[in-house]
N, C-alpha and C. Protein backbone atom coordinates (compact mmCIF):
# COMPACT_ATOMS: atom_id res chain seq x y z
N MET A 1 67.94 42.58 85.46
CA MET A 1 68.40 42.44 86.83
C MET A 1 67.21 42.10 87.70
N SER A 2 67.33 41.08 88.49
CA SER A 2 66.23 40.68 89.36
C SER A 2 66.24 41.50 90.64
N VAL A 3 65.15 41.38 91.42
CA VAL A 3 65.02 42.09 92.68
C VAL A 3 66.10 41.63 93.66
N ASN A 4 66.41 40.37 93.68
CA ASN A 4 67.42 39.84 94.59
C ASN A 4 68.81 40.38 94.28
N ASP A 5 69.12 40.56 93.00
CA ASP A 5 70.42 41.12 92.62
C ASP A 5 70.56 42.55 93.12
N HIS A 6 69.47 43.30 93.07
CA HIS A 6 69.49 44.70 93.53
C HIS A 6 69.78 44.77 95.04
N ARG A 7 69.20 43.88 95.82
CA ARG A 7 69.43 43.87 97.26
C ARG A 7 70.86 43.49 97.60
N ARG A 8 71.44 42.58 96.84
CA ARG A 8 72.81 42.18 97.11
C ARG A 8 73.78 43.33 96.89
N ASN A 9 73.54 44.21 95.94
CA ASN A 9 74.43 45.32 95.64
C ASN A 9 74.29 46.47 96.63
N LYS A 10 73.13 46.56 97.30
CA LYS A 10 72.90 47.67 98.22
C LYS A 10 73.92 47.68 99.38
N PRO A 11 74.19 46.56 100.07
CA PRO A 11 75.23 46.59 101.11
C PRO A 11 76.59 47.00 100.56
N MET A 12 76.90 46.56 99.36
CA MET A 12 78.19 46.92 98.75
C MET A 12 78.26 48.43 98.50
N ARG A 13 77.16 49.01 98.01
CA ARG A 13 77.13 50.46 97.78
C ARG A 13 77.27 51.22 99.09
N ASN A 14 76.64 50.74 100.14
CA ASN A 14 76.76 51.39 101.45
C ASN A 14 78.20 51.34 101.95
N ARG A 15 78.87 50.20 101.76
CA ARG A 15 80.27 50.10 102.18
C ARG A 15 81.14 51.07 101.39
N VAL A 16 80.88 51.19 100.10
CA VAL A 16 81.64 52.12 99.26
C VAL A 16 81.39 53.55 99.73
N ARG A 17 80.14 53.89 100.02
CA ARG A 17 79.83 55.24 100.51
C ARG A 17 80.55 55.53 101.82
N TRP A 18 80.48 54.58 102.77
CA TRP A 18 81.15 54.78 104.05
C TRP A 18 82.66 54.88 103.88
N THR A 19 83.23 54.12 102.97
CA THR A 19 84.67 54.19 102.70
C THR A 19 85.02 55.56 102.15
N LEU A 20 84.20 56.07 101.24
CA LEU A 20 84.46 57.40 100.67
C LEU A 20 84.31 58.49 101.73
N VAL A 21 83.29 58.40 102.58
CA VAL A 21 83.09 59.38 103.64
C VAL A 21 84.26 59.35 104.61
N LEU A 22 84.67 58.15 105.02
CA LEU A 22 85.80 58.01 105.95
C LEU A 22 87.08 58.54 105.32
N GLY A 23 87.33 58.20 104.07
CA GLY A 23 88.53 58.68 103.38
C GLY A 23 88.55 60.20 103.27
N ALA A 24 87.41 60.80 102.91
CA ALA A 24 87.34 62.26 102.80
C ALA A 24 87.55 62.91 104.16
N SER A 25 87.00 62.31 105.23
CA SER A 25 87.18 62.86 106.58
C SER A 25 88.65 62.84 106.98
N LEU A 26 89.33 61.74 106.69
CA LEU A 26 90.75 61.64 107.03
C LEU A 26 91.59 62.65 106.25
N VAL A 27 91.29 62.81 104.98
CA VAL A 27 92.03 63.77 104.17
C VAL A 27 91.84 65.18 104.72
N LEU A 28 90.61 65.55 105.04
CA LEU A 28 90.36 66.89 105.57
C LEU A 28 91.00 67.07 106.93
N ALA A 29 90.98 66.05 107.78
CA ALA A 29 91.60 66.16 109.10
C ALA A 29 93.10 66.32 108.98
N CYS A 30 93.73 65.57 108.09
CA CYS A 30 95.18 65.68 107.91
C CYS A 30 95.54 67.03 107.31
N ARG A 31 94.73 67.52 106.39
CA ARG A 31 95.02 68.82 105.79
C ARG A 31 94.96 69.91 106.84
N ASP A 32 93.97 69.83 107.74
CA ASP A 32 93.85 70.83 108.79
C ASP A 32 95.03 70.77 109.76
N ALA A 33 95.55 69.59 110.04
CA ALA A 33 96.64 69.45 111.00
C ALA A 33 97.97 69.90 110.41
N ALA A 34 98.21 69.65 109.14
CA ALA A 34 99.53 69.92 108.58
C ALA A 34 99.52 71.01 107.52
N GLY A 35 98.37 71.43 107.08
CA GLY A 35 98.31 72.39 105.99
C GLY A 35 98.43 73.82 106.45
N PRO A 36 98.33 74.75 105.52
CA PRO A 36 98.41 76.17 105.88
C PRO A 36 97.33 76.56 106.88
N THR A 37 97.70 77.42 107.77
CA THR A 37 96.77 77.88 108.79
C THR A 37 96.60 79.38 108.67
N GLU A 38 95.87 79.94 109.61
CA GLU A 38 95.66 81.38 109.59
C GLU A 38 96.99 82.12 109.66
N PRO A 39 97.06 83.32 109.10
CA PRO A 39 98.29 84.10 109.25
C PRO A 39 98.57 84.37 110.73
N LEU A 40 99.83 84.34 111.07
CA LEU A 40 100.22 84.62 112.46
C LEU A 40 100.37 86.11 112.66
N PRO A 41 99.72 86.67 113.67
CA PRO A 41 99.94 88.09 113.96
C PRO A 41 101.33 88.28 114.55
N PHE A 42 101.99 89.35 114.15
CA PHE A 42 103.32 89.62 114.69
C PHE A 42 103.53 91.11 114.87
N GLN A 43 104.46 91.43 115.76
CA GLN A 43 104.82 92.82 116.00
C GLN A 43 106.33 92.92 115.85
N LEU A 44 106.78 93.91 115.08
CA LEU A 44 108.20 94.13 114.82
C LEU A 44 108.62 95.43 115.48
N SER A 45 109.71 95.40 116.25
CA SER A 45 110.22 96.62 116.87
C SER A 45 111.74 96.65 116.76
N PHE A 46 112.29 97.85 116.82
CA PHE A 46 113.74 98.04 116.67
C PHE A 46 114.31 98.68 117.92
N THR A 47 115.56 98.32 118.23
CA THR A 47 116.28 98.94 119.34
C THR A 47 117.17 100.03 118.77
N THR A 48 116.99 101.25 119.27
CA THR A 48 117.79 102.37 118.79
C THR A 48 118.44 103.06 119.98
N PRO A 49 119.70 103.28 120.01
CA PRO A 49 120.71 102.75 119.08
C PRO A 49 120.91 101.26 119.32
N PRO A 50 121.58 100.58 118.38
CA PRO A 50 121.82 99.15 118.54
C PRO A 50 122.61 98.87 119.82
N SER A 51 122.40 97.69 120.35
CA SER A 51 123.05 97.29 121.59
C SER A 51 124.54 97.05 121.40
N ASN A 52 125.34 97.49 122.38
CA ASN A 52 126.78 97.21 122.35
C ASN A 52 127.08 95.81 122.85
N THR A 53 126.10 95.16 123.46
CA THR A 53 126.32 93.84 124.06
C THR A 53 125.56 92.74 123.32
N PHE A 54 125.23 92.95 122.05
CA PHE A 54 124.49 91.95 121.28
C PHE A 54 125.29 90.65 121.24
N SER A 55 124.66 89.54 121.66
CA SER A 55 125.38 88.28 121.75
C SER A 55 124.97 87.27 120.68
N GLY A 56 124.18 87.68 119.73
CA GLY A 56 123.76 86.77 118.66
C GLY A 56 122.25 86.60 118.64
N PRO A 57 121.75 86.02 117.56
CA PRO A 57 120.30 85.88 117.43
C PRO A 57 119.75 84.85 118.41
N SER A 58 118.49 85.03 118.78
CA SER A 58 117.83 84.04 119.63
C SER A 58 116.38 83.91 119.23
N ILE A 59 115.85 82.70 119.42
CA ILE A 59 114.44 82.41 119.19
C ILE A 59 113.96 81.72 120.46
N VAL A 60 112.97 82.32 121.13
CA VAL A 60 112.52 81.82 122.43
C VAL A 60 111.02 81.63 122.40
N GLY A 61 110.55 80.52 122.98
CA GLY A 61 109.13 80.29 123.13
C GLY A 61 108.69 80.65 124.54
N THR A 62 107.53 81.29 124.66
CA THR A 62 106.96 81.62 125.97
C THR A 62 105.64 80.84 126.09
N SER A 63 104.79 81.25 127.00
CA SER A 63 103.52 80.55 127.16
C SER A 63 102.54 80.87 126.03
N THR A 64 102.69 82.01 125.37
CA THR A 64 101.74 82.40 124.31
C THR A 64 102.40 82.98 123.07
N ALA A 65 103.73 83.00 123.01
CA ALA A 65 104.40 83.69 121.91
C ALA A 65 105.73 83.04 121.55
N ILE A 66 106.22 83.43 120.38
CA ILE A 66 107.59 83.14 119.96
C ILE A 66 108.26 84.49 119.76
N ILE A 67 109.42 84.68 120.40
CA ILE A 67 110.14 85.96 120.34
C ILE A 67 111.46 85.73 119.61
N VAL A 68 111.68 86.50 118.55
CA VAL A 68 112.93 86.46 117.80
C VAL A 68 113.66 87.77 118.05
N THR A 69 114.92 87.69 118.49
CA THR A 69 115.77 88.88 118.58
C THR A 69 116.99 88.63 117.73
N ALA A 70 117.34 89.61 116.92
CA ALA A 70 118.45 89.43 115.99
C ALA A 70 118.98 90.79 115.54
N ARG A 71 120.04 90.73 114.77
CA ARG A 71 120.68 91.93 114.22
C ARG A 71 120.82 91.76 112.71
N LEU A 72 120.43 92.80 111.98
CA LEU A 72 120.61 92.82 110.53
C LEU A 72 121.49 94.01 110.20
N ILE A 73 122.53 93.78 109.41
CA ILE A 73 123.44 94.86 108.99
C ILE A 73 123.11 95.20 107.54
N ALA A 74 122.58 96.40 107.36
CA ALA A 74 122.16 96.85 106.03
C ALA A 74 123.30 97.63 105.37
N PRO A 75 123.31 97.65 104.02
CA PRO A 75 124.38 98.35 103.30
C PRO A 75 124.44 99.85 103.58
N THR A 76 123.28 100.47 103.85
CA THR A 76 123.22 101.90 104.15
C THR A 76 122.09 102.15 105.15
N PRO A 77 122.07 103.31 105.79
CA PRO A 77 120.92 103.63 106.65
C PRO A 77 119.66 103.98 105.85
N CYS A 78 119.81 104.17 104.56
CA CYS A 78 118.66 104.47 103.70
C CYS A 78 118.03 103.15 103.24
N THR A 79 117.53 102.43 104.19
CA THR A 79 117.02 101.08 103.95
C THR A 79 115.66 100.91 104.60
N ASP A 80 114.77 100.27 103.89
CA ASP A 80 113.49 99.86 104.47
C ASP A 80 113.62 98.40 104.90
N LEU A 81 113.20 98.12 106.13
CA LEU A 81 113.19 96.74 106.62
C LEU A 81 111.74 96.26 106.69
N THR A 82 111.50 95.10 106.11
CA THR A 82 110.16 94.52 106.16
C THR A 82 110.27 93.07 106.63
N ALA A 83 109.21 92.61 107.24
CA ALA A 83 109.16 91.23 107.72
C ALA A 83 107.96 90.53 107.09
N THR A 84 108.16 89.28 106.71
CA THR A 84 107.06 88.43 106.28
C THR A 84 107.14 87.14 107.09
N VAL A 85 105.98 86.63 107.45
CA VAL A 85 105.90 85.41 108.24
C VAL A 85 105.00 84.42 107.51
N ASN A 86 105.54 83.24 107.24
CA ASN A 86 104.76 82.16 106.63
C ASN A 86 104.66 81.03 107.64
N HIS A 87 103.44 80.50 107.78
CA HIS A 87 103.16 79.49 108.80
C HIS A 87 102.46 78.32 108.13
N ASP A 88 103.03 77.13 108.24
CA ASP A 88 102.43 75.93 107.68
C ASP A 88 102.57 74.82 108.72
N GLY A 89 101.50 74.56 109.46
CA GLY A 89 101.56 73.55 110.51
C GLY A 89 102.54 73.96 111.59
N ALA A 90 103.54 73.11 111.83
CA ALA A 90 104.54 73.38 112.88
C ALA A 90 105.78 74.06 112.32
N THR A 91 105.73 74.54 111.08
CA THR A 91 106.87 75.21 110.46
C THR A 91 106.56 76.70 110.30
N ILE A 92 107.48 77.53 110.78
CA ILE A 92 107.34 78.98 110.65
C ILE A 92 108.59 79.51 109.95
N ASP A 93 108.40 80.21 108.84
CA ASP A 93 109.49 80.86 108.11
C ASP A 93 109.31 82.37 108.20
N ILE A 94 110.35 83.03 108.70
CA ILE A 94 110.34 84.48 108.84
C ILE A 94 111.41 85.03 107.91
N THR A 95 111.06 86.02 107.11
CA THR A 95 112.03 86.66 106.23
C THR A 95 112.08 88.14 106.55
N MET A 96 113.28 88.60 106.93
CA MET A 96 113.54 90.03 107.14
C MET A 96 114.27 90.51 105.90
N THR A 97 113.70 91.49 105.22
CA THR A 97 114.28 91.98 103.96
C THR A 97 114.70 93.43 104.11
N ALA A 98 115.95 93.70 103.75
CA ALA A 98 116.47 95.06 103.70
C ALA A 98 116.47 95.49 102.24
N SER A 99 115.68 96.50 101.91
CA SER A 99 115.65 96.99 100.53
C SER A 99 115.94 98.48 100.51
N PRO A 100 116.70 98.91 99.51
CA PRO A 100 117.11 100.33 99.46
C PRO A 100 115.92 101.26 99.23
N LYS A 101 115.95 102.39 99.93
CA LYS A 101 114.95 103.43 99.69
C LYS A 101 115.35 104.19 98.44
N ASN A 102 114.41 104.91 97.87
CA ASN A 102 114.71 105.77 96.73
C ASN A 102 115.31 107.08 97.24
N ALA A 103 116.56 106.99 97.68
CA ALA A 103 117.24 108.17 98.21
C ALA A 103 118.73 107.99 98.01
N ILE A 104 119.43 109.09 97.94
CA ILE A 104 120.89 109.03 97.85
C ILE A 104 121.41 109.02 99.28
N CYS A 105 122.24 108.05 99.56
CA CYS A 105 122.72 107.86 100.91
C CYS A 105 124.24 107.77 100.87
N SER A 106 124.89 108.67 101.58
CA SER A 106 126.35 108.68 101.54
C SER A 106 126.98 107.88 102.68
N GLU A 107 126.19 107.55 103.69
CA GLU A 107 126.73 106.82 104.82
C GLU A 107 126.78 105.32 104.51
N PRO A 108 127.83 104.67 105.00
CA PRO A 108 127.90 103.21 104.81
C PRO A 108 127.07 102.51 105.88
N LEU A 109 127.16 101.28 105.99
CA LEU A 109 126.48 100.36 106.89
C LEU A 109 125.59 100.96 107.97
N SER A 110 124.53 100.24 108.22
CA SER A 110 123.63 100.59 109.30
C SER A 110 123.25 99.30 110.03
N ILE A 111 123.26 99.36 111.34
CA ILE A 111 122.97 98.18 112.16
C ILE A 111 121.57 98.31 112.73
N TYR A 112 120.77 97.25 112.53
CA TYR A 112 119.41 97.22 113.05
C TYR A 112 119.26 96.03 114.00
N ASP A 113 119.08 96.29 115.28
CA ASP A 113 118.70 95.25 116.23
C ASP A 113 117.18 95.24 116.27
N TYR A 114 116.60 94.07 116.14
CA TYR A 114 115.14 94.02 116.13
C TYR A 114 114.61 92.89 117.00
N MET A 115 113.34 93.03 117.36
CA MET A 115 112.60 91.99 118.05
C MET A 115 111.31 91.78 117.29
N LEU A 116 111.04 90.53 116.97
CA LEU A 116 109.80 90.18 116.30
C LEU A 116 109.06 89.21 117.22
N ALA A 117 107.85 89.58 117.61
CA ALA A 117 107.04 88.75 118.51
C ALA A 117 105.85 88.19 117.73
N LEU A 118 105.75 86.87 117.69
CA LEU A 118 104.61 86.20 117.09
C LEU A 118 103.65 85.84 118.21
N ALA A 119 102.50 86.48 118.25
CA ALA A 119 101.56 86.22 119.34
C ALA A 119 100.17 86.67 118.93
N PRO A 120 99.15 86.00 119.37
CA PRO A 120 99.20 84.76 120.13
C PRO A 120 99.44 83.58 119.19
N ILE A 121 100.01 82.52 119.72
CA ILE A 121 100.27 81.32 118.93
C ILE A 121 99.90 80.10 119.79
N ALA A 122 99.33 79.11 119.16
CA ALA A 122 98.88 77.91 119.88
C ALA A 122 100.06 77.16 120.48
N ARG A 123 99.80 76.48 121.57
CA ARG A 123 100.86 75.70 122.20
C ARG A 123 101.32 74.59 121.27
N GLY A 124 102.59 74.23 121.41
CA GLY A 124 103.17 73.19 120.57
C GLY A 124 104.63 73.48 120.32
N THR A 125 105.26 72.60 119.56
CA THR A 125 106.66 72.78 119.19
C THR A 125 106.71 73.19 117.73
N TYR A 126 107.47 74.23 117.44
CA TYR A 126 107.57 74.79 116.10
C TYR A 126 109.02 74.78 115.62
N HIS A 127 109.18 74.56 114.33
CA HIS A 127 110.50 74.68 113.70
C HIS A 127 110.54 76.07 113.05
N VAL A 128 111.33 76.96 113.63
CA VAL A 128 111.37 78.36 113.18
C VAL A 128 112.66 78.61 112.40
N THR A 129 112.51 79.19 111.22
CA THR A 129 113.65 79.57 110.39
C THR A 129 113.55 81.07 110.11
N VAL A 130 114.65 81.78 110.33
CA VAL A 130 114.69 83.23 110.07
C VAL A 130 115.72 83.46 108.96
N HIS A 131 115.29 84.17 107.92
CA HIS A 131 116.16 84.52 106.79
C HIS A 131 116.37 86.03 106.78
N HIS A 132 117.60 86.46 106.59
CA HIS A 132 117.90 87.87 106.36
C HIS A 132 118.29 88.02 104.90
N VAL A 133 117.60 88.88 104.19
CA VAL A 133 117.85 89.09 102.77
C VAL A 133 118.23 90.55 102.56
N GLY A 134 119.27 90.80 101.75
CA GLY A 134 119.68 92.17 101.43
C GLY A 134 120.66 92.76 102.41
N GLU A 135 121.35 91.91 103.17
CA GLU A 135 122.33 92.43 104.12
C GLU A 135 123.55 93.00 103.39
N ALA A 136 124.37 93.75 104.14
CA ALA A 136 125.59 94.34 103.59
C ALA A 136 126.48 93.24 103.03
N GLY A 137 127.14 93.54 101.93
CA GLY A 137 128.04 92.58 101.32
C GLY A 137 127.31 91.44 100.63
N SER A 138 126.05 91.65 100.30
CA SER A 138 125.21 90.64 99.64
C SER A 138 125.08 89.36 100.44
N ALA A 139 125.27 89.46 101.74
CA ALA A 139 125.13 88.28 102.60
C ALA A 139 123.66 87.97 102.81
N ASN A 140 123.35 86.71 102.90
CA ASN A 140 122.01 86.26 103.27
C ASN A 140 122.19 85.30 104.45
N THR A 141 121.75 85.72 105.61
CA THR A 141 121.93 84.94 106.83
C THR A 141 120.67 84.13 107.11
N THR A 142 120.85 82.91 107.59
CA THR A 142 119.72 82.08 108.00
C THR A 142 120.06 81.44 109.33
N PHE A 143 119.12 81.47 110.26
CA PHE A 143 119.30 80.71 111.49
C PHE A 143 117.99 80.01 111.83
N LYS A 144 118.11 78.84 112.48
CA LYS A 144 116.96 77.97 112.74
C LYS A 144 116.98 77.50 114.18
N GLN A 145 115.77 77.20 114.67
CA GLN A 145 115.69 76.63 116.02
C GLN A 145 114.31 76.03 116.22
N ASP A 146 114.24 74.92 116.94
CA ASP A 146 112.98 74.36 117.37
C ASP A 146 112.59 75.03 118.68
N VAL A 147 111.34 75.49 118.77
CA VAL A 147 110.88 76.26 119.92
C VAL A 147 109.56 75.68 120.41
N THR A 148 109.41 75.64 121.73
CA THR A 148 108.15 75.15 122.32
C THR A 148 107.39 76.30 122.94
N VAL A 149 106.11 76.40 122.58
CA VAL A 149 105.19 77.35 123.20
C VAL A 149 104.38 76.51 124.19
N SER A 150 104.49 76.85 125.46
CA SER A 150 103.93 76.00 126.50
C SER A 150 102.42 76.11 126.70
N GLY A 151 101.85 77.23 126.27
CA GLY A 151 100.40 77.42 126.35
C GLY A 151 99.92 77.43 127.74
């Protein structure tokens, strides 16, 4: 290989390097925008006794939070309720699970009105899905809503 051949390949190698750097930057930027993010902090609270005027589930966006209010009907009052929140970009999946405690329970159904607040959360529009698992009668309820956090 002559000296002149080596110089001709150098600009080509630089273009390949810049293409690789640009491609890697775009991949990392897209992953950050749409990929998994930090876990969302949330607070779960229950209304006791349940409301007589419950009008159905709601998902509301505020300036810094997303508030979910809903009702879960468990097979017995001897039930543990847990919440899990998964966040991937603009998609938020919330699962409320009713699982039986290790206890003998003679009473039927128990109604749990709850509020789950996701805060703080960045401004934007989110597609929120709430799943209820382990409800009375083996029902699994799901409700969805697009919500805007105004920031």
